[in-house]
Amino acid sequence: MVTLFDVARLAGVSTATVSRVVHGQDRVREATRIRVQQAIEELGYVPDGAAQSLSRRRKDVIGLVCVERQAQQYDIENMNLLFYDEVLRGVEARIRDQEWSLLITFLQGANDPSYARIESFTGKVDGILIGEGIVPSPFIERLATRVPVVIFAGTPHEQAVDVVAADNLSGSAAVVTHLIRDHGKRRLFWVHGPADSPDSRERRYGLDYVLRASPQCELTGFYEGYYSVESGEKAGESLLARPRRELPDAIVSANDQMAIGVVKALARAGVRVPQDVAVVGFDDIFPGSLCDPPLTTVHQPMRMLGERACARLLERIATPGLRPVTELLPTELVLRSSCGCPPGTVIRQPVPTLKVPRSELSSVTTPIPSPQPGRRPARQAAKA
């Protein structure tokens, strides 16, 4: 194994000089630097990463905590995998050139007892990215006293750490406004995501914000799903159990996969989309464009979520005293034909940010499911 001493001997310099060249320090003559680099290449010397980390008191490793939803579904269909794959690409794009590494673990929902495993992360990484904001705020605050922490796709109200999220509220309000204003929909049904999902709650706030401004419209009910096609099918089946005259004009889903499930359930029963019932989703995953009819949705920049959250974490690692901030990334309204637009429609429209005081969102017009520790969320339909 080639060592620092071997490089120093071949280059005719001290080990301290070799170390300065390896670490990119500028207290070395250019001719000496070239001689050392040539010796490194000739011998195939690879610096000891652990030793360098110790010398800098840094590990050059970021921890990524993801959420694994427990549901009966194929892994390839798992929204978490689709979502985190895109986020991961964004994180990798940010750390690749800096030669940092990534350590990943999965939590099984908000009631996962393995928070101790996250605490062990603090001794192995320089900072932690946590997905979906399901980890309780007191625990987040405790973690943040040990290492820098950034939450992505979390609640914008988190006070203790940085948050990077899509502008879910504005995106949801845009697609609901399109249904009401452009297609005359009046009776809406909501398919909620997991009760512990901040994204789903923000999207529900967007729906309610528009409904409060549209007295001619009503929410006829909601169903609590868990972000999978299967739960969307169950939501559709719960609606089909009602008399046909009670079907809503439109179904608004908290994500695309549940919307796809709704479309499948309606199609099996002979209910036409969008002629009988319009259906819209959120996320803009590729399978949504392959639906029959193609799905109208809201695009959230999943890859950019990872990139911006990682960038903020690196800033916080370099400057620990930064004040926590929340960054909301803009969304796009993606119009296809499941909402009632003509077949073949593919239109993308930037969604402007709504300036809505949080006080207006605290009293919603209809109930929102809330996570209850120790209990599995209800899977049945509920009257609003």
Protein backbone atom coordinates (compact mmCIF):
# COMPACT_ATOMS: atom_id res chain seq x y z
CA MET A 1 0.00 0.00 0.00
CA VAL A 2 1.41 3.38 -1.07
CA THR A 3 1.76 5.86 1.80
CA LEU A 4 2.35 9.55 2.25
CA PHE A 5 5.98 8.71 3.11
CA ASP A 6 6.46 6.95 -0.25
CA VAL A 7 5.24 10.04 -2.11
CA ALA A 8 7.49 12.31 -0.03
CA ARG A 9 10.52 10.10 -0.68
CA LEU A 10 9.96 9.99 -4.46
CA ALA A 11 9.28 13.74 -4.71
CA GLY A 12 12.19 14.61 -2.43
CA VAL A 13 10.08 16.66 -0.04
CA SER A 14 8.75 16.39 3.50
CA THR A 15 5.51 14.61 4.37
CA ALA A 16 4.15 17.97 5.52
CA THR A 17 4.64 19.35 2.00
CA VAL A 18 2.85 16.36 0.49
CA SER A 19 -0.01 16.89 2.95
CA ARG A 20 -0.30 20.56 1.96
CA VAL A 21 -0.50 19.60 -1.73
CA VAL A 22 -3.11 16.91 -1.04
CA HIS A 23 -5.25 19.37 0.92
CA GLY A 24 -4.93 22.09 -1.73
CA GLN A 25 -3.15 24.55 0.51
CA ASP A 26 -1.27 27.39 -1.19
CA ARG A 27 1.94 27.45 0.87
CA VAL A 28 3.80 25.36 -1.72
CA ARG A 29 5.92 26.50 -4.66
CA GLU A 30 4.40 25.68 -8.01
CA ALA A 31 7.40 23.60 -9.10
CA THR A 32 7.23 21.60 -5.86
CA ARG A 33 3.48 21.11 -6.24
CA ILE A 34 3.95 19.72 -9.75
CA ARG A 35 6.70 17.35 -8.54
CA VAL A 36 4.49 16.06 -5.73
CA GLN A 37 1.49 15.58 -8.04
CA GLN A 38 3.66 13.66 -10.49
CA ALA A 39 4.83 11.39 -7.67
CA ILE A 40 1.22 10.84 -6.59
CA GLU A 41 0.24 9.83 -10.12
CA GLU A 42 3.29 7.62 -10.63
CA LEU A 43 2.75 5.72 -7.38
CA GLY A 44 -1.07 5.67 -7.61
CA TYR A 45 -1.35 7.18 -4.14
CA VAL A 46 -4.91 7.56 -2.76
CA PRO A 47 -5.22 9.86 0.28
CA ASP A 48 -6.72 8.31 3.41
CA GLY A 49 -10.20 9.83 3.55
CA ALA A 50 -10.67 9.02 7.23
CA ALA A 51 -7.40 10.65 8.15
CA GLN A 52 -8.24 13.76 6.12
CA SER A 53 -11.63 13.97 7.79
CA LEU A 54 -10.01 13.79 11.21
CA SER A 55 -7.60 16.54 10.31
CA ARG A 56 -10.50 18.76 9.20
CA ARG A 57 -12.86 17.49 11.93
CA ARG A 58 -15.25 16.63 9.12
CA LYS A 59 -16.45 13.36 7.61
CA ASP A 60 -17.63 14.58 4.20
CA VAL A 61 -20.78 12.48 4.64
CA ILE A 62 -24.44 13.56 4.58
CA GLY A 63 -27.23 11.50 6.15
CA LEU A 64 -30.57 11.11 4.36
CA VAL A 65 -33.62 9.95 6.36
CA CYS A 66 -36.52 8.76 4.18
CA VAL A 67 -40.02 7.53 5.00
CA GLU A 68 -41.20 4.06 3.99
CA ARG A 69 -44.99 3.93 3.93
CA GLN A 70 -46.36 0.56 5.00
CA ALA A 71 -48.95 -0.39 2.42
CA GLN A 72 -49.84 -3.38 0.29
CA GLN A 73 -48.33 -2.35 -3.00
CA TYR A 74 -45.59 -3.35 -5.38
CA ASP A 75 -42.29 -1.63 -4.70
CA ILE A 76 -42.14 -0.31 -8.26
CA GLU A 77 -45.48 1.41 -7.58
CA ASN A 78 -44.44 2.80 -4.22
CA MET A 79 -44.78 6.59 -4.24
CA ASN A 80 -41.99 6.86 -1.71
CA LEU A 81 -39.54 5.17 -4.04
CA LEU A 82 -40.57 7.34 -6.99
CA PHE A 83 -40.35 10.48 -4.85
CA TYR A 84 -37.09 9.66 -3.09
CA ASP A 85 -35.43 8.50 -6.30
CA GLU A 86 -35.90 11.99 -7.72
CA VAL A 87 -34.85 13.68 -4.47
CA LEU A 88 -31.76 11.47 -4.31
CA ARG A 89 -30.75 12.51 -7.82
CA GLY A 90 -30.92 16.13 -6.74
CA VAL A 91 -28.80 15.49 -3.63
CA GLU A 92 -26.22 13.55 -5.63
CA ALA A 93 -26.02 16.31 -8.22
CA ARG A 94 -25.14 18.74 -5.44
CA ILE A 95 -22.48 16.67 -3.65
CA ARG A 96 -20.92 14.83 -6.60
CA ASP A 97 -18.37 17.50 -7.50
CA GLN A 98 -17.40 17.93 -3.85
CA GLU A 99 -16.70 14.21 -3.45
CA TRP A 100 -19.00 13.87 -0.45
CA SER A 101 -20.79 10.62 0.35
CA LEU A 102 -24.38 9.81 1.31
CA LEU A 103 -25.66 7.56 4.12
CA ILE A 104 -29.36 6.60 3.80
CA THR A 105 -31.88 5.08 6.20
CA PHE A 106 -35.66 4.58 6.10
CA LEU A 107 -38.24 5.20 8.82
CA GLN A 108 -41.52 3.30 8.74
CA GLY A 109 -43.88 6.20 9.30
CA ALA A 110 -44.37 8.63 12.15
CA ASN A 111 -44.68 5.93 14.82
CA ASP A 112 -41.43 4.17 13.95
CA PRO A 113 -39.69 3.38 17.27
CA SER A 114 -36.22 3.54 15.73
CA TYR A 115 -35.52 7.23 16.33
CA ALA A 116 -32.43 6.06 18.22
CA ARG A 117 -31.05 4.98 14.86
CA ILE A 118 -31.31 8.57 13.63
CA GLU A 119 -29.50 9.76 16.73
CA SER A 120 -26.67 7.36 15.90
CA PHE A 121 -26.42 9.18 12.56
CA THR A 122 -25.07 12.22 14.32
CA GLY A 123 -21.78 10.45 14.98
CA LYS A 124 -21.38 9.34 11.36
CA VAL A 125 -22.33 12.38 9.29
CA ASP A 126 -21.73 16.10 9.04
CA GLY A 127 -25.43 16.90 8.60
CA ILE A 128 -28.82 15.24 8.09
CA LEU A 129 -31.58 15.67 5.51
CA ILE A 130 -34.96 14.44 6.78
CA GLY A 131 -37.87 13.78 4.43
CA GLU A 132 -41.56 14.64 4.77
CA GLY A 133 -41.37 16.27 8.19
CA ILE A 134 -42.94 13.39 10.10
CA VAL A 135 -40.27 13.40 12.81
CA PRO A 136 -41.62 15.31 15.87
CA SER A 137 -40.34 18.85 16.34
CA PRO A 138 -38.87 18.23 19.84
CA PHE A 139 -36.77 15.39 18.42
CA ILE A 140 -35.71 17.59 15.49
CA GLU A 141 -34.62 20.29 17.92
CA ARG A 142 -32.55 17.77 19.86
CA LEU A 143 -30.89 16.50 16.69
CA ALA A 144 -30.12 20.05 15.57
CA THR A 145 -28.05 20.62 18.71
CA ARG A 146 -25.72 17.85 17.52
CA VAL A 147 -25.51 18.30 13.74
CA PRO A 148 -27.00 20.60 11.11
CA VAL A 149 -30.47 19.43 9.98
CA VAL A 150 -32.59 20.37 6.97
CA ILE A 151 -36.11 19.04 6.32
CA PHE A 152 -37.39 18.62 2.78
CA ALA A 153 -41.09 18.27 1.90
CA GLY A 154 -41.90 19.25 5.49
CA THR A 155 -44.31 21.68 7.05
CA PRO A 156 -43.50 25.34 6.37
CA HIS A 157 -44.22 26.05 10.07
CA GLU A 158 -41.17 24.21 11.45
CA GLN A 159 -39.24 26.71 13.56
CA ALA A 160 -36.10 24.93 14.71
CA VAL A 161 -34.47 24.01 11.38
CA ASP A 162 -34.41 24.86 7.69
CA VAL A 163 -37.26 23.57 5.51
CA VAL A 164 -37.31 23.19 1.72
CA ALA A 165 -40.70 22.26 0.26
CA ALA A 166 -42.80 22.65 -2.86
CA ASP A 167 -45.45 25.38 -2.76
CA ASN A 168 -48.15 22.77 -2.26
CA LEU A 169 -50.85 25.19 -1.18
CA SER A 170 -50.57 27.39 -4.27
CA GLY A 171 -50.37 24.39 -6.60
CA SER A 172 -53.45 22.77 -5.11
CA ALA A 173 -55.39 26.03 -5.23
CA ALA A 174 -54.46 26.42 -8.92
CA VAL A 175 -55.79 23.03 -10.01
CA VAL A 176 -59.00 23.43 -7.98
CA THR A 177 -59.52 26.92 -9.40
CA HIS A 178 -59.13 25.45 -12.89
CA LEU A 179 -61.85 22.87 -12.19
CA ILE A 180 -64.28 25.49 -10.89
CA ARG A 181 -63.55 28.42 -13.20
CA ASP A 182 -62.79 26.66 -16.49
CA HIS A 183 -64.95 23.55 -16.23
CA GLY A 184 -67.81 24.67 -13.99
CA LYS A 185 -67.32 21.95 -11.35
CA ARG A 186 -69.34 22.56 -8.21
CA ARG A 187 -69.35 19.35 -6.15
CA LEU A 188 -65.85 18.21 -5.23
CA PHE A 189 -64.53 15.15 -3.40
CA TRP A 190 -61.08 15.04 -1.75
CA VAL A 191 -58.72 12.04 -1.54
CA HIS A 192 -56.32 12.78 1.33
CA GLY A 193 -52.85 11.33 1.77
CA PRO A 194 -51.44 9.85 5.00
CA ALA A 195 -52.50 11.85 8.05
CA ASP A 196 -48.85 12.52 8.97
CA SER A 197 -47.96 13.95 5.53
CA PRO A 198 -47.31 17.73 5.58
CA ASP A 199 -47.59 17.84 1.77
CA SER A 200 -51.08 16.36 1.86
CA ARG A 201 -52.23 18.79 4.54
CA GLU A 202 -50.90 21.80 2.62
CA ARG A 203 -52.67 20.57 -0.53
CA ARG A 204 -55.88 20.27 1.45
CA TYR A 205 -55.44 23.82 2.68
CA GLY A 206 -55.21 24.94 -0.96
CA LEU A 207 -58.49 23.18 -1.75
CA ASP A 208 -60.26 24.73 1.22
CA TYR A 209 -58.87 28.19 0.45
CA VAL A 210 -60.52 28.09 -2.98
CA LEU A 211 -63.77 26.63 -1.65
CA ARG A 212 -64.09 29.40 0.93
CA ALA A 213 -63.94 31.91 -1.92
CA SER A 214 -66.46 29.90 -3.99
CA PRO A 215 -69.77 29.78 -2.09
CA GLN A 216 -71.47 28.11 -5.06
CA CYS A 217 -69.23 25.04 -4.54
CA GLU A 218 -69.12 22.35 -1.88
CA LEU A 219 -66.92 19.52 -0.68
CA THR A 220 -69.11 16.40 -0.68
CA GLY A 221 -66.71 14.24 1.34
CA PHE A 222 -63.18 12.91 1.66
CA TYR A 223 -61.30 9.63 1.87
CA GLU A 224 -57.99 9.08 3.66
CA GLY A 225 -55.60 7.12 1.47
CA TYR A 226 -51.89 6.39 1.73
CA TYR A 227 -50.39 7.69 -1.54
CA SER A 228 -50.75 4.40 -3.49
CA VAL A 229 -52.79 3.37 -6.54
CA GLU A 230 -54.49 0.76 -4.37
CA SER A 231 -55.78 3.31 -1.89
CA GLY A 232 -57.01 5.45 -4.79
CA GLU A 233 -58.98 2.48 -6.07
CA LYS A 234 -60.52 2.04 -2.62
CA ALA A 235 -61.43 5.73 -2.58
CA GLY A 236 -63.17 5.28 -5.94
CA GLU A 237 -64.97 2.17 -4.73
CA SER A 238 -66.23 4.02 -1.65
CA LEU A 239 -67.75 6.65 -3.93
CA LEU A 240 -69.27 4.03 -6.21
CA ALA A 241 -71.06 2.52 -3.21
CA ARG A 242 -73.22 5.65 -3.18
CA PRO A 243 -76.15 6.18 -5.56
CA ARG A 244 -74.90 7.42 -8.94
CA ARG A 245 -76.77 10.70 -8.53
CA GLU A 246 -74.53 11.47 -5.53
CA LEU A 247 -71.26 11.21 -7.46
CA PRO A 248 -69.25 14.44 -7.32
CA ASP A 249 -68.44 16.59 -10.34
CA ALA A 250 -64.71 16.23 -9.68
CA ILE A 251 -62.30 14.25 -7.52
CA VAL A 252 -59.20 16.05 -6.27
CA SER A 253 -56.42 13.71 -5.15
CA ALA A 254 -53.44 14.57 -2.95
CA ASN A 255 -51.12 12.72 -5.34
CA ASP A 256 -51.08 11.23 -8.83
CA GLN A 257 -50.99 7.59 -7.83
CA MET A 258 -54.20 7.82 -5.85
CA ALA A 259 -55.75 9.72 -8.76
CA ILE A 260 -54.71 6.90 -11.11
CA GLY A 261 -56.37 4.42 -8.74
CA VAL A 262 -59.56 6.47 -8.73
CA VAL A 263 -59.61 6.51 -12.55
CA LYS A 264 -59.18 2.71 -12.61
CA ALA A 265 -62.06 2.15 -10.18
CA LEU A 266 -64.39 4.49 -12.08
CA ALA A 267 -63.51 2.88 -15.42
CA ARG A 268 -64.36 -0.60 -14.11
CA ALA A 269 -67.79 0.68 -13.10
CA GLY A 270 -68.43 2.36 -16.45
CA VAL A 271 -68.13 5.89 -15.05
CA ARG A 272 -66.50 8.07 -17.70
CA VAL A 273 -63.62 10.43 -16.92
CA PRO A 274 -63.96 13.37 -17.44
CA GLN A 275 -67.48 13.26 -18.97
CA ASP A 276 -69.15 11.98 -15.78
CA VAL A 277 -66.51 12.83 -13.17
CA ALA A 278 -63.30 14.84 -13.57
CA VAL A 279 -60.16 13.63 -11.77
CA VAL A 280 -56.97 15.55 -10.97
CA GLY A 281 -53.80 14.70 -9.06
CA PHE A 282 -50.57 16.22 -7.78
CA ASP A 283 -46.83 15.51 -8.39
CA ASP A 284 -46.67 15.00 -12.18
CA ILE A 285 -45.15 11.51 -12.15
CA PHE A 286 -44.59 9.97 -15.58
CA PRO A 287 -47.29 7.24 -15.32
CA GLY A 288 -49.91 9.97 -15.02
CA SER A 289 -49.25 11.00 -18.63
CA LEU A 290 -49.94 7.41 -19.73
CA CYS A 291 -53.39 7.19 -18.10
CA ASP A 292 -56.57 6.98 -20.13
CA PRO A 293 -57.37 9.82 -20.06
CA PRO A 294 -53.99 11.48 -19.33
CA LEU A 295 -53.98 13.03 -15.87
CA THR A 296 -54.26 16.73 -15.15
CA THR A 297 -51.97 17.43 -12.22
CA VAL A 298 -49.56 19.81 -10.50
CA HIS A 299 -45.83 19.43 -11.06
CA GLN A 300 -43.68 19.61 -7.96
CA PRO A 301 -39.90 19.87 -8.56
CA MET A 302 -38.84 16.72 -6.69
CA ARG A 303 -35.27 16.70 -7.97
CA MET A 304 -34.85 20.38 -7.14
CA LEU A 305 -36.13 19.65 -3.61
CA GLY A 306 -33.14 17.39 -3.07
CA GLU A 307 -30.70 19.80 -4.66
CA ARG A 308 -31.86 22.89 -2.75
CA ALA A 309 -32.16 21.05 0.58
CA CYS A 310 -28.65 19.65 0.17
CA ALA A 311 -27.29 23.08 -0.80
CA ARG A 312 -28.78 24.59 2.34
CA LEU A 313 -27.39 21.78 4.47
CA LEU A 314 -23.89 22.35 3.08
CA GLU A 315 -24.25 26.07 3.82
CA ARG A 316 -25.28 25.26 7.39
CA ILE A 317 -22.39 22.83 7.83
CA ALA A 318 -20.00 25.58 6.73
CA THR A 319 -21.78 28.26 8.81
CA PRO A 320 -23.60 26.63 11.76
CA GLY A 321 -24.99 29.93 13.08
CA LEU A 322 -27.31 30.60 10.12
CA ARG A 323 -30.89 31.45 11.06
CA PRO A 324 -33.42 28.75 10.00
CA VAL A 325 -35.38 29.63 6.87
CA THR A 326 -38.19 28.06 4.83
CA GLU A 327 -37.82 27.92 1.05
CA LEU A 328 -40.91 27.14 -1.05
CA LEU A 329 -40.19 25.97 -4.59
CA PRO A 330 -42.65 26.99 -7.33
CA THR A 331 -45.01 24.48 -8.94
CA GLU A 332 -46.61 24.18 -12.39
CA LEU A 333 -50.19 23.44 -13.39
CA VAL A 334 -50.12 20.60 -15.95
CA LEU A 335 -53.33 20.48 -18.00
CA ARG A 336 -54.24 17.26 -19.78
CA SER A 337 -57.69 15.81 -20.44
CA SER A 338 -58.78 14.11 -17.17
CA CYS A 339 -60.17 17.45 -15.95
CA GLY A 340 -62.30 18.11 -19.04
CA CYS A 341 -59.75 19.78 -21.31
CA PRO A 342 -59.87 18.54 -24.95
CA PRO A 343 -58.10 15.24 -25.74
CA GLY A 344 -54.45 15.80 -26.61
CA THR A 345 -54.12 18.85 -24.37
CA VAL A 346 -50.68 19.22 -22.76
CA ILE A 347 -50.26 22.70 -21.28
CA ARG A 348 -47.88 23.73 -18.50
CA GLN A 349 -48.56 26.94 -16.62
CA PRO A 350 -46.39 28.43 -13.84
CA VAL A 351 -48.32 28.74 -10.59
CA PRO A 352 -47.99 32.12 -8.82
CA THR A 353 -47.43 32.02 -5.08
CA LEU A 354 -50.50 32.76 -2.99
CA LYS A 355 -49.92 35.18 -0.13
CA VAL A 356 -52.28 33.65 2.40
CA PRO A 357 -51.94 34.54 6.11
CA ARG A 358 -51.55 31.39 8.16
CA SER A 359 -54.37 32.56 10.39
CA GLU A 360 -56.75 32.07 7.45
CA LEU A 361 -55.65 28.46 7.12
CA SER A 362 -56.05 27.51 10.76
CA SER A 363 -59.85 27.26 10.52
CA VAL A 364 -60.62 25.11 7.50
CA THR A 365 -64.17 24.60 6.29
CA THR A 366 -64.11 20.80 6.68
CA PRO A 367 -62.23 18.31 8.85
CA ILE A 368 -58.69 17.24 8.03
CA PRO A 369 -57.45 13.87 9.31
CA SER A 370 -54.87 14.22 12.06
CA PRO A 371 -52.20 11.66 12.94
CA GLN A 372 -52.97 9.85 16.20
CA PRO A 373 -49.98 8.15 17.89
CA GLY A 374 -50.40 4.42 18.29
CA ARG A 375 -53.34 4.12 15.91
CA ARG A 376 -53.44 3.24 12.25
CA PRO A 377 -55.23 5.90 10.16
CA ALA A 378 -58.80 5.12 9.14
CA ARG A 379 -59.16 3.91 5.58
CA GLN A 380 -62.87 4.47 5.16
CA ALA A 381 -64.68 7.31 3.50
CA ALA A 382 -65.98 10.08 5.74
CA LYS A 383 -68.71 12.59 5.19
CA ALA A 384 -67.41 16.12 5.32
